[in-house]
Amino acid sequence: MRGLFLLAMLVGCKSDTGLYGGPLTSVGVVAGDFDDMTEPLKRIEVRHEVYEGIISVATYDTEWPHEDVALKVEGLLSDSRVMGDYDAVFVASGTRGFGVREYNGLEADDHLVSDAAVLEEVRTYVEDFDRTLFVSDWSYELVEALWPDKIDFLGDDAVLDAAQRGEIGQIMATVEEPGLSELLETETLPLEFNFSNWAPVERVADDVAVWARGDVEYALENGGGFASLSDAPLLVSFEPDGGGRVVYASFHVNAQLDNTMDMLLNTVVGDFREGPGETVDF
C-alpha cells in the first residue's frame, strides 16, 4: 500500500522540481534498431501503436517493401494532428533519421532532424498540444534540435552524432528524486548500457529535473583513448516554456529490469492508465 500511495503522490501532483506526469492512456511508439519501448506498455496494458522507424529512403535491405507498411515514422512525426491522437510519443534509440550514417550506399538518414517542418510539428505536438515526448539514447538529436538550451550533450552540438561515445557496461546510478528513491526502496539503481556509443549528457539547465546520475566513461574523438564524466545526468525531464513534457533516457528501455522500468515510466514519464492494451504493429 505504501508503494501505491507514493506512486499516486509522484504522478498526481507536482514534485519539488515543479514537474509532474499527467494521465496517459495512449502512446505512439516509433520502433528503433537498438531499443524496444513497447514491452513496459504491454505489461501495464496501455494502448499503443507502433510506427516503423526506418525512414523511407534508407534501409539495409533495398528490397524491403516500404509501400506495404501502414504506419511509418514520417507519417507520425511530420504531422502534429496524427501525434495528437496520443497522450505521449515514444521515439526509440536507433530510429533511422537521427544520424549521418548511410545504409547500402543510399541517402543519409538525417532527414527527420534536418527537416524544419518536422521539427515544427514535433514542437507543436509537445508545446501547443501539451503532450509528452519520451526519447532514448540516439534519438537525443530530436531534443537537441528543438530545445538546445535544456540539455548539453557530449561533443559539438552542431555536429550530428557527436555525443555518441558512451562506453558499454553497467552504471550504478544515484537516484536524485527522494520520492522515486523511496518508491524504489533504494538510493542507487543499476542501469544497463547494452551498446557502446550511447549519448551521454554533460550538464542540464537549472529547470531540468535530473532523476538519476552516474559516473560515465566515454571514448575521446579520433581514437584518442577514454575520459570520464562524474555524476553525469542519465535520466532527465523538463517542461518546455510553451508547455508539454520531454523526457530523455540515455539508456535503453529494453535493457532494464522489468519492475524498475515500469516504475520509472509511471513516475518520470507520466501516469499511465490501463486501457485495452492492444498493440497495432506496422
C-alpha atoms as a PDB file:
ATOM      1  CA  MET A   1       0.000   0.000   0.000  1.00  0.00           C
ATOM      2  CA  ARG A   2       2.901   2.344   0.778  1.00  0.00           C
ATOM      3  CA  GLY A   3       4.181   1.929  -2.794  1.00  0.00           C
ATOM      4  CA  LEU A   4       0.775   2.696  -4.271  1.00  0.00           C
ATOM      5  CA  PHE A   5       0.441   5.820  -2.123  1.00  0.00           C
ATOM      6  CA  LEU A   6       3.862   7.093  -3.161  1.00  0.00           C
ATOM      7  CA  LEU A   7       3.108   6.390  -6.801  1.00  0.00           C
ATOM      8  CA  ALA A   8      -0.088   8.417  -6.564  1.00  0.00           C
ATOM      9  CA  MET A   9       1.768  11.280  -4.915  1.00  0.00           C
ATOM     10  CA  LEU A  10       4.517  11.277  -7.511  1.00  0.00           C
ATOM     11  CA  VAL A  11       2.326  11.191 -10.581  1.00  0.00           C
ATOM     12  CA  GLY A  12      -0.689  13.083  -9.323  1.00  0.00           C
ATOM     13  CA  CYS A  13       0.941  16.307  -8.240  1.00  0.00           C
ATOM     14  CA  LYS A  14       3.966  18.458  -8.896  1.00  0.00           C
ATOM     15  CA  SER A  15       7.237  17.479  -7.233  1.00  0.00           C
ATOM     16  CA  ASP A  16       9.857  19.826  -5.817  1.00  0.00           C
ATOM     17  CA  THR A  17      11.156  20.167  -9.347  1.00  0.00           C
ATOM     18  CA  GLY A  18       7.824  21.604 -10.472  1.00  0.00           C
ATOM     19  CA  LEU A  19       7.261  18.683 -12.827  1.00  0.00           C
ATOM     20  CA  TYR A  20       4.510  16.125 -12.842  1.00  0.00           C
ATOM     21  CA  GLY A  21       3.217  13.347 -15.027  1.00  0.00           C
ATOM     22  CA  GLY A  22      -0.327  13.729 -16.301  1.00  0.00           C
ATOM     23  CA  PRO A  23      -2.635  10.799 -17.075  1.00  0.00           C
ATOM     24  CA  LEU A  24      -1.582   8.902 -20.202  1.00  0.00           C
ATOM     25  CA  THR A  25      -3.864   6.348 -21.863  1.00  0.00           C
ATOM     26  CA  SER A  26      -2.481   6.072 -25.409  1.00  0.00           C
ATOM     27  CA  VAL A  27       1.040   6.121 -26.851  1.00  0.00           C
ATOM     28  CA  GLY A  28       2.515   6.322 -30.338  1.00  0.00           C
ATOM     29  CA  VAL A  29       5.812   4.395 -30.445  1.00  0.00           C
ATOM     30  CA  VAL A  30       8.487   4.739 -33.117  1.00  0.00           C
ATOM     31  CA  ALA A  31      10.431   1.475 -33.398  1.00  0.00           C
ATOM     32  CA  GLY A  32      14.225   1.696 -33.364  1.00  0.00           C
ATOM     33  CA  ASP A  33      17.045  -0.664 -34.230  1.00  0.00           C
ATOM     34  CA  PHE A  34      18.516  -0.678 -30.722  1.00  0.00           C
ATOM     35  CA  ASP A  35      15.669  -0.269 -28.251  1.00  0.00           C
ATOM     36  CA  ASP A  36      12.178  -1.714 -27.787  1.00  0.00           C
ATOM     37  CA  MET A  37       9.999   0.726 -25.883  1.00  0.00           C
ATOM     38  CA  THR A  38       6.795  -1.314 -26.203  1.00  0.00           C
ATOM     39  CA  GLU A  39       7.428  -4.034 -23.610  1.00  0.00           C
ATOM     40  CA  PRO A  40       6.560  -1.994 -20.492  1.00  0.00           C
ATOM     41  CA  LEU A  41       3.482  -0.630 -22.270  1.00  0.00           C
ATOM     42  CA  LYS A  42       2.357  -4.195 -22.894  1.00  0.00           C
ATOM     43  CA  ARG A  43       2.980  -5.129 -19.270  1.00  0.00           C
ATOM     44  CA  ILE A  44       0.921  -2.252 -17.891  1.00  0.00           C
ATOM     45  CA  GLU A  45      -1.654  -2.702 -20.668  1.00  0.00           C
ATOM     46  CA  VAL A  46      -1.524   0.772 -22.166  1.00  0.00           C
ATOM     47  CA  ARG A  47      -2.941   1.199 -25.656  1.00  0.00           C
ATOM     48  CA  HIS A  48      -0.155   1.908 -28.138  1.00  0.00           C
ATOM     49  CA  GLU A  49       0.529   1.860 -31.853  1.00  0.00           C
ATOM     50  CA  VAL A  50       3.938   1.105 -33.353  1.00  0.00           C
ATOM     51  CA  TYR A  51       5.364   3.083 -36.256  1.00  0.00           C
ATOM     52  CA  GLU A  52       8.145   1.700 -38.418  1.00  0.00           C
ATOM     53  CA  GLY A  53      11.314   3.621 -37.622  1.00  0.00           C
ATOM     54  CA  ILE A  54      13.040   3.056 -40.964  1.00  0.00           C
ATOM     55  CA  ILE A  55      12.753   6.244 -42.960  1.00  0.00           C
ATOM     56  CA  SER A  56      11.547   5.753 -46.496  1.00  0.00           C
ATOM     57  CA  VAL A  57      14.836   6.268 -48.329  1.00  0.00           C
ATOM     58  CA  ALA A  58      17.355   4.478 -46.113  1.00  0.00           C
ATOM     59  CA  THR A  59      17.310   0.776 -45.255  1.00  0.00           C
ATOM     60  CA  TYR A  60      19.654  -2.184 -45.002  1.00  0.00           C
ATOM     61  CA  ASP A  61      17.526  -4.117 -47.474  1.00  0.00           C
ATOM     62  CA  THR A  62      16.899  -2.433 -50.812  1.00  0.00           C
ATOM     63  CA  GLU A  63      14.074  -4.897 -51.464  1.00  0.00           C
ATOM     64  CA  TRP A  64      12.249  -4.010 -48.263  1.00  0.00           C
ATOM     65  CA  PRO A  65       8.620  -3.242 -49.239  1.00  0.00           C
ATOM     66  CA  HIS A  66       8.080   0.268 -47.882  1.00  0.00           C
ATOM     67  CA  GLU A  67       4.757   0.571 -49.691  1.00  0.00           C
ATOM     68  CA  ASP A  68       3.319  -2.265 -47.576  1.00  0.00           C
ATOM     69  CA  VAL A  69       3.964  -0.533 -44.277  1.00  0.00           C
ATOM     70  CA  ALA A  70       0.872   1.196 -42.939  1.00  0.00           C
ATOM     71  CA  LEU A  71       2.437   3.167 -40.096  1.00  0.00           C
ATOM     72  CA  LYS A  72       5.687   4.961 -40.892  1.00  0.00           C
ATOM     73  CA  VAL A  73       7.784   7.341 -38.821  1.00  0.00           C
ATOM     74  CA  GLU A  74       7.344  10.140 -41.356  1.00  0.00           C
ATOM     75  CA  GLY A  75       3.574   9.866 -41.068  1.00  0.00           C
ATOM     76  CA  LEU A  76       3.781  10.377 -37.311  1.00  0.00           C
ATOM     77  CA  LEU A  77       6.484  12.994 -36.727  1.00  0.00           C
ATOM     78  CA  SER A  78       5.591  15.120 -39.735  1.00  0.00           C
ATOM     79  CA  ASP A  79       2.009  15.771 -38.604  1.00  0.00           C
ATOM     80  CA  SER A  80       1.105  17.101 -35.167  1.00  0.00           C
ATOM     81  CA  ARG A  81      -2.520  16.155 -35.792  1.00  0.00           C
ATOM     82  CA  VAL A  82      -1.543  12.487 -36.090  1.00  0.00           C
ATOM     83  CA  MET A  83       0.638  12.747 -32.999  1.00  0.00           C
ATOM     84  CA  GLY A  84      -2.270  14.482 -31.298  1.00  0.00           C
ATOM     85  CA  ASP A  85      -4.130  11.179 -31.200  1.00  0.00           C
ATOM     86  CA  TYR A  86      -1.684  10.100 -28.492  1.00  0.00           C
ATOM     87  CA  ASP A  87      -1.070  11.360 -24.976  1.00  0.00           C
ATOM     88  CA  ALA A  88       2.615  10.568 -25.441  1.00  0.00           C
ATOM     89  CA  VAL A  89       5.018   9.762 -28.271  1.00  0.00           C
ATOM     90  CA  PHE A  90       8.000   7.460 -27.640  1.00  0.00           C
ATOM     91  CA  VAL A  91      10.953   7.632 -30.052  1.00  0.00           C
ATOM     92  CA  ALA A  92      13.333   4.712 -29.612  1.00  0.00           C
ATOM     93  CA  SER A  93      17.084   4.715 -29.998  1.00  0.00           C
ATOM     94  CA  GLY A  94      18.072   3.606 -33.474  1.00  0.00           C
ATOM     95  CA  THR A  95      15.184   5.284 -35.240  1.00  0.00           C
ATOM     96  CA  ARG A  96      16.715   5.937 -38.617  1.00  0.00           C
ATOM     97  CA  GLY A  97      16.567   9.586 -39.358  1.00  0.00           C
ATOM     98  CA  PHE A  98      18.803  10.546 -36.434  1.00  0.00           C
ATOM     99  CA  GLY A  99      22.363  10.472 -37.761  1.00  0.00           C
ATOM    100  CA  VAL A 100      24.531  10.706 -40.837  1.00  0.00           C
ATOM    101  CA  ARG A 101      25.075   7.006 -41.494  1.00  0.00           C
ATOM    102  CA  GLU A 102      24.121   5.596 -44.863  1.00  0.00           C
ATOM    103  CA  TYR A 103      22.678   2.149 -45.476  1.00  0.00           C
ATOM    104  CA  ASN A 104      23.755   0.236 -48.597  1.00  0.00           C
ATOM    105  CA  GLY A 105      25.068   3.455 -50.098  1.00  0.00           C
ATOM    106  CA  LEU A 106      21.646   5.091 -50.033  1.00  0.00           C
ATOM    107  CA  GLU A 107      20.965   8.660 -48.971  1.00  0.00           C
ATOM    108  CA  ALA A 108      21.945   9.884 -45.499  1.00  0.00           C
ATOM    109  CA  ASP A 109      19.279   9.231 -42.875  1.00  0.00           C
ATOM    110  CA  ASP A 110      19.268  12.545 -41.015  1.00  0.00           C
ATOM    111  CA  HIS A 111      16.071  13.730 -42.666  1.00  0.00           C
ATOM    112  CA  LEU A 112      13.902  13.933 -39.574  1.00  0.00           C
ATOM    113  CA  VAL A 113      16.197  16.229 -37.619  1.00  0.00           C
ATOM    114  CA  SER A 114      17.207  18.353 -40.591  1.00  0.00           C
ATOM    115  CA  ASP A 115      13.639  18.948 -41.768  1.00  0.00           C
ATOM    116  CA  ALA A 116      12.384  22.235 -40.278  1.00  0.00           C
ATOM    117  CA  ALA A 117       8.774  21.249 -40.956  1.00  0.00           C
ATOM    118  CA  VAL A 118       9.125  18.006 -38.967  1.00  0.00           C
ATOM    119  CA  LEU A 119      10.755  19.835 -36.071  1.00  0.00           C
ATOM    120  CA  GLU A 120       7.964  22.395 -36.006  1.00  0.00           C
ATOM    121  CA  GLU A 121       5.312  19.664 -35.978  1.00  0.00           C
ATOM    122  CA  VAL A 122       7.011  17.903 -33.066  1.00  0.00           C
ATOM    123  CA  ARG A 123       7.312  21.197 -31.197  1.00  0.00           C
ATOM    124  CA  THR A 124       3.626  21.917 -31.838  1.00  0.00           C
ATOM    125  CA  TYR A 125       2.656  18.485 -30.516  1.00  0.00           C
ATOM    126  CA  VAL A 126       4.608  18.913 -27.292  1.00  0.00           C
ATOM    127  CA  GLU A 127       4.073  22.588 -26.541  1.00  0.00           C
ATOM    128  CA  ASP A 128       0.739  23.533 -28.128  1.00  0.00           C
ATOM    129  CA  PHE A 129      -0.969  20.183 -27.556  1.00  0.00           C
ATOM    130  CA  ASP A 130       0.620  19.982 -24.072  1.00  0.00           C
ATOM    131  CA  ARG A 131       1.749  16.379 -24.611  1.00  0.00           C
ATOM    132  CA  THR A 132       4.675  14.160 -23.627  1.00  0.00           C
ATOM    133  CA  LEU A 133       7.723  13.226 -25.716  1.00  0.00           C
ATOM    134  CA  PHE A 134       9.986  10.429 -24.442  1.00  0.00           C
ATOM    135  CA  VAL A 135      13.216   9.608 -26.308  1.00  0.00           C
ATOM    136  CA  SER A 136      16.028   7.172 -25.612  1.00  0.00           C
ATOM    137  CA  ASP A 137      19.738   7.315 -26.422  1.00  0.00           C
ATOM    138  CA  TRP A 138      20.430   8.047 -30.128  1.00  0.00           C
ATOM    139  CA  SER A 139      17.136   9.852 -30.591  1.00  0.00           C
ATOM    140  CA  TYR A 140      18.600  12.642 -28.444  1.00  0.00           C
ATOM    141  CA  GLU A 141      19.159  14.573 -31.693  1.00  0.00           C
ATOM    142  CA  LEU A 142      15.463  15.454 -31.731  1.00  0.00           C
ATOM    143  CA  VAL A 143      15.645  17.041 -28.276  1.00  0.00           C
ATOM    144  CA  GLU A 144      18.903  18.805 -29.072  1.00  0.00           C
ATOM    145  CA  ALA A 145      17.476  20.277 -32.266  1.00  0.00           C
ATOM    146  CA  LEU A 146      14.288  21.569 -30.632  1.00  0.00           C
ATOM    147  CA  TRP A 147      15.357  22.611 -27.132  1.00  0.00           C
ATOM    148  CA  PRO A 148      19.144  23.154 -27.350  1.00  0.00           C
ATOM    149  CA  ASP A 149      19.346  25.180 -24.129  1.00  0.00           C
ATOM    150  CA  LYS A 150      17.839  22.476 -21.923  1.00  0.00           C
ATOM    151  CA  ILE A 151      20.344  19.615 -22.214  1.00  0.00           C
ATOM    152  CA  ASP A 152      24.029  19.894 -23.103  1.00  0.00           C
ATOM    153  CA  PHE A 153      25.025  16.606 -24.702  1.00  0.00           C
ATOM    154  CA  LEU A 154      28.606  15.458 -25.062  1.00  0.00           C
ATOM    155  CA  GLY A 155      30.534  16.896 -28.004  1.00  0.00           C
ATOM    156  CA  ASP A 156      29.768  19.604 -30.538  1.00  0.00           C
ATOM    157  CA  ASP A 157      26.042  20.357 -30.528  1.00  0.00           C
ATOM    158  CA  ALA A 158      26.193  21.439 -34.168  1.00  0.00           C
ATOM    159  CA  VAL A 159      27.533  18.059 -35.347  1.00  0.00           C
ATOM    160  CA  LEU A 160      25.161  15.122 -35.754  1.00  0.00           C
ATOM    161  CA  ASP A 161      26.100  12.025 -33.729  1.00  0.00           C
ATOM    162  CA  ALA A 162      28.845  13.912 -31.844  1.00  0.00           C
ATOM    163  CA  ALA A 163      27.549  12.726 -28.466  1.00  0.00           C
ATOM    164  CA  GLN A 164      27.551   9.038 -29.361  1.00  0.00           C
ATOM    165  CA  ARG A 165      30.657   7.940 -27.453  1.00  0.00           C
ATOM    166  CA  GLY A 166      29.461   6.353 -24.195  1.00  0.00           C
ATOM    167  CA  GLU A 167      31.029   3.033 -23.133  1.00  0.00           C
ATOM    168  CA  ILE A 168      29.142  -0.251 -22.845  1.00  0.00           C
ATOM    169  CA  GLY A 169      28.515  -1.650 -19.363  1.00  0.00           C
ATOM    170  CA  GLN A 170      26.583  -1.126 -16.143  1.00  0.00           C
ATOM    171  CA  ILE A 171      26.450   2.176 -14.267  1.00  0.00           C
ATOM    172  CA  MET A 172      25.410   2.274 -10.633  1.00  0.00           C
ATOM    173  CA  ALA A 173      23.272   5.399 -10.715  1.00  0.00           C
ATOM    174  CA  THR A 174      22.294   7.612  -7.791  1.00  0.00           C
ATOM    175  CA  VAL A 175      18.553   8.282  -7.643  1.00  0.00           C
ATOM    176  CA  GLU A 176      18.168  12.042  -7.204  1.00  0.00           C
ATOM    177  CA  GLU A 177      14.427  12.414  -6.609  1.00  0.00           C
ATOM    178  CA  PRO A 178      13.635  11.458  -2.971  1.00  0.00           C
ATOM    179  CA  GLY A 179      10.136  10.263  -3.800  1.00  0.00           C
ATOM    180  CA  LEU A 180      11.442   7.978  -6.531  1.00  0.00           C
ATOM    181  CA  SER A 181      14.169   6.511  -4.327  1.00  0.00           C
ATOM    182  CA  GLU A 182      11.562   5.861  -1.636  1.00  0.00           C
ATOM    183  CA  LEU A 183       9.311   4.112  -4.123  1.00  0.00           C
ATOM    184  CA  LEU A 184      12.198   2.030  -5.452  1.00  0.00           C
ATOM    185  CA  GLU A 185      13.342   1.447  -1.865  1.00  0.00           C
ATOM    186  CA  THR A 186      16.912   2.275  -2.838  1.00  0.00           C
ATOM    187  CA  GLU A 187      19.078   5.334  -3.424  1.00  0.00           C
ATOM    188  CA  THR A 188      21.122   3.559  -6.085  1.00  0.00           C
ATOM    189  CA  LEU A 189      19.969   1.931  -9.270  1.00  0.00           C
ATOM    190  CA  PRO A 190      21.911  -0.341 -11.663  1.00  0.00           C
ATOM    191  CA  LEU A 191      21.370   0.864 -15.227  1.00  0.00           C
ATOM    192  CA  GLU A 192      22.465  -1.311 -18.131  1.00  0.00           C
ATOM    193  CA  PHE A 193      24.073   0.251 -21.194  1.00  0.00           C
ATOM    194  CA  ASN A 194      23.952  -2.705 -23.541  1.00  0.00           C
ATOM    195  CA  PHE A 195      25.554  -0.952 -26.513  1.00  0.00           C
ATOM    196  CA  SER A 196      28.594   1.265 -26.787  1.00  0.00           C
ATOM    197  CA  ASN A 197      28.448   4.697 -28.420  1.00  0.00           C
ATOM    198  CA  TRP A 198      25.423   5.860 -26.467  1.00  0.00           C
ATOM    199  CA  ALA A 199      24.849   9.602 -25.959  1.00  0.00           C
ATOM    200  CA  PRO A 200      25.950  10.977 -22.539  1.00  0.00           C
ATOM    201  CA  VAL A 201      24.769  14.277 -21.075  1.00  0.00           C
ATOM    202  CA  GLU A 202      27.366  16.707 -19.709  1.00  0.00           C
ATOM    203  CA  ARG A 203      25.049  19.171 -17.941  1.00  0.00           C
ATOM    204  CA  VAL A 204      21.467  20.437 -17.913  1.00  0.00           C
ATOM    205  CA  ALA A 205      19.722  23.771 -17.386  1.00  0.00           C
ATOM    206  CA  ASP A 206      18.539  24.740 -13.919  1.00  0.00           C
ATOM    207  CA  ASP A 207      14.908  23.978 -14.744  1.00  0.00           C
ATOM    208  CA  VAL A 208      15.637  20.419 -15.917  1.00  0.00           C
ATOM    209  CA  ALA A 209      14.905  17.663 -13.408  1.00  0.00           C
ATOM    210  CA  VAL A 210      17.651  15.062 -13.003  1.00  0.00           C
ATOM    211  CA  TRP A 211      16.179  11.765 -11.807  1.00  0.00           C
ATOM    212  CA  ALA A 212      19.371   9.716 -11.893  1.00  0.00           C
ATOM    213  CA  ARG A 213      23.097  10.452 -12.130  1.00  0.00           C
ATOM    214  CA  GLY A 214      26.209   8.333 -12.527  1.00  0.00           C
ATOM    215  CA  ASP A 215      29.869   8.218 -13.473  1.00  0.00           C
ATOM    216  CA  VAL A 216      30.276   7.806 -17.223  1.00  0.00           C
ATOM    217  CA  GLU A 217      33.175   6.647 -19.346  1.00  0.00           C
ATOM    218  CA  TYR A 218      33.316   7.722 -22.984  1.00  0.00           C
ATOM    219  CA  ALA A 219      35.643   7.469 -25.947  1.00  0.00           C
ATOM    220  CA  LEU A 220      37.634  10.510 -26.979  1.00  0.00           C
ATOM    221  CA  GLU A 221      37.422  11.614 -30.580  1.00  0.00           C
ATOM    222  CA  ASN A 222      39.714  10.127 -33.229  1.00  0.00           C
ATOM    223  CA  GLY A 223      40.649   7.115 -31.119  1.00  0.00           C
ATOM    224  CA  GLY A 224      42.403   9.225 -28.515  1.00  0.00           C
ATOM    225  CA  GLY A 225      41.585   6.951 -25.581  1.00  0.00           C
ATOM    226  CA  PHE A 226      38.927   7.406 -22.924  1.00  0.00           C
ATOM    227  CA  ALA A 227      37.726  10.030 -20.457  1.00  0.00           C
ATOM    228  CA  SER A 228      35.069  10.239 -17.776  1.00  0.00           C
ATOM    229  CA  LEU A 229      32.220  12.400 -16.512  1.00  0.00           C
ATOM    230  CA  SER A 230      31.406  12.435 -12.803  1.00  0.00           C
ATOM    231  CA  ASP A 231      27.758  12.437 -11.710  1.00  0.00           C
ATOM    232  CA  ALA A 232      26.531  12.868 -15.256  1.00  0.00           C
ATOM    233  CA  PRO A 233      22.729  13.096 -15.716  1.00  0.00           C
ATOM    234  CA  LEU A 234      21.382   9.775 -17.006  1.00  0.00           C
ATOM    235  CA  LEU A 235      17.613  10.302 -16.841  1.00  0.00           C
ATOM    236  CA  VAL A 236      16.169  13.812 -17.121  1.00  0.00           C
ATOM    237  CA  SER A 237      12.901  15.610 -17.825  1.00  0.00           C
ATOM    238  CA  PHE A 238      11.732  19.157 -18.383  1.00  0.00           C
ATOM    239  CA  GLU A 239       8.746  21.259 -19.354  1.00  0.00           C
ATOM    240  CA  PRO A 240       9.410  23.446 -22.409  1.00  0.00           C
ATOM    241  CA  ASP A 241       8.466  27.089 -21.992  1.00  0.00           C
ATOM    242  CA  GLY A 242       5.490  26.621 -24.299  1.00  0.00           C
ATOM    243  CA  GLY A 243       4.084  23.641 -22.388  1.00  0.00           C
ATOM    244  CA  GLY A 244       4.222  19.870 -22.519  1.00  0.00           C
ATOM    245  CA  ARG A 245       6.837  17.498 -21.185  1.00  0.00           C
ATOM    246  CA  VAL A 246      10.078  15.992 -22.537  1.00  0.00           C
ATOM    247  CA  VAL A 247      11.929  13.022 -21.040  1.00  0.00           C
ATOM    248  CA  TYR A 248      15.362  11.794 -22.125  1.00  0.00           C
ATOM    249  CA  ALA A 249      16.810   8.413 -21.076  1.00  0.00           C
ATOM    250  CA  SER A 250      20.438   7.870 -22.007  1.00  0.00           C
ATOM    251  CA  PHE A 251      19.882   4.113 -21.563  1.00  0.00           C
ATOM    252  CA  HIS A 252      17.682   1.698 -23.493  1.00  0.00           C
ATOM    253  CA  VAL A 253      14.287   0.810 -22.081  1.00  0.00           C
ATOM    254  CA  ASN A 254      14.542  -2.854 -23.095  1.00  0.00           C
ATOM    255  CA  ALA A 255      17.867  -3.361 -21.261  1.00  0.00           C
ATOM    256  CA  GLN A 256      16.495  -2.599 -17.765  1.00  0.00           C
ATOM    257  CA  LEU A 257      14.797  -4.840 -15.217  1.00  0.00           C
ATOM    258  CA  ASP A 258      11.060  -5.036 -15.878  1.00  0.00           C
ATOM    259  CA  ASN A 259       9.874  -3.802 -12.475  1.00  0.00           C
ATOM    260  CA  THR A 260      12.412  -0.985 -12.427  1.00  0.00           C
ATOM    261  CA  MET A 261      11.469   0.239 -15.889  1.00  0.00           C
ATOM    262  CA  ASP A 262       7.749   0.069 -15.151  1.00  0.00           C
ATOM    263  CA  MET A 263       8.225   2.223 -12.053  1.00  0.00           C
ATOM    264  CA  LEU A 264      10.414   4.697 -13.919  1.00  0.00           C
ATOM    265  CA  LEU A 265       7.820   5.091 -16.658  1.00  0.00           C
ATOM    266  CA  ASN A 266       4.995   5.633 -14.200  1.00  0.00           C
ATOM    267  CA  THR A 267       6.905   8.179 -12.125  1.00  0.00           C
ATOM    268  CA  VAL A 268       9.162  10.004 -14.576  1.00  0.00           C
ATOM    269  CA  VAL A 269       7.306   9.869 -17.894  1.00  0.00           C
ATOM    270  CA  GLY A 270       3.688  10.033 -16.730  1.00  0.00           C
ATOM    271  CA  ASP A 271       0.747   8.449 -15.003  1.00  0.00           C
ATOM    272  CA  PHE A 272      -0.058   5.528 -17.275  1.00  0.00           C
ATOM    273  CA  ARG A 273      -3.633   4.361 -17.041  1.00  0.00           C
ATOM    274  CA  GLU A 274      -4.576   0.847 -18.013  1.00  0.00           C
ATOM    275  CA  GLY A 275      -6.611   0.620 -21.188  1.00  0.00           C
ATOM    276  CA  PRO A 276      -7.388  -2.012 -23.779  1.00  0.00           C
ATOM    277  CA  GLY A 277      -3.642  -2.653 -24.054  1.00  0.00           C
ATOM    278  CA  GLU A 278      -3.740  -3.681 -27.692  1.00  0.00           C
ATOM    279  CA  THR A 279      -0.749  -3.159 -29.944  1.00  0.00           C
ATOM    280  CA  VAL A 280      -1.061  -2.178 -33.588  1.00  0.00           C
ATOM    281  CA  ASP A 281       2.149  -3.065 -35.363  1.00  0.00           C
ATOM    282  CA  PHE A 282       3.420  -1.731 -38.666  1.00  0.00           C
END
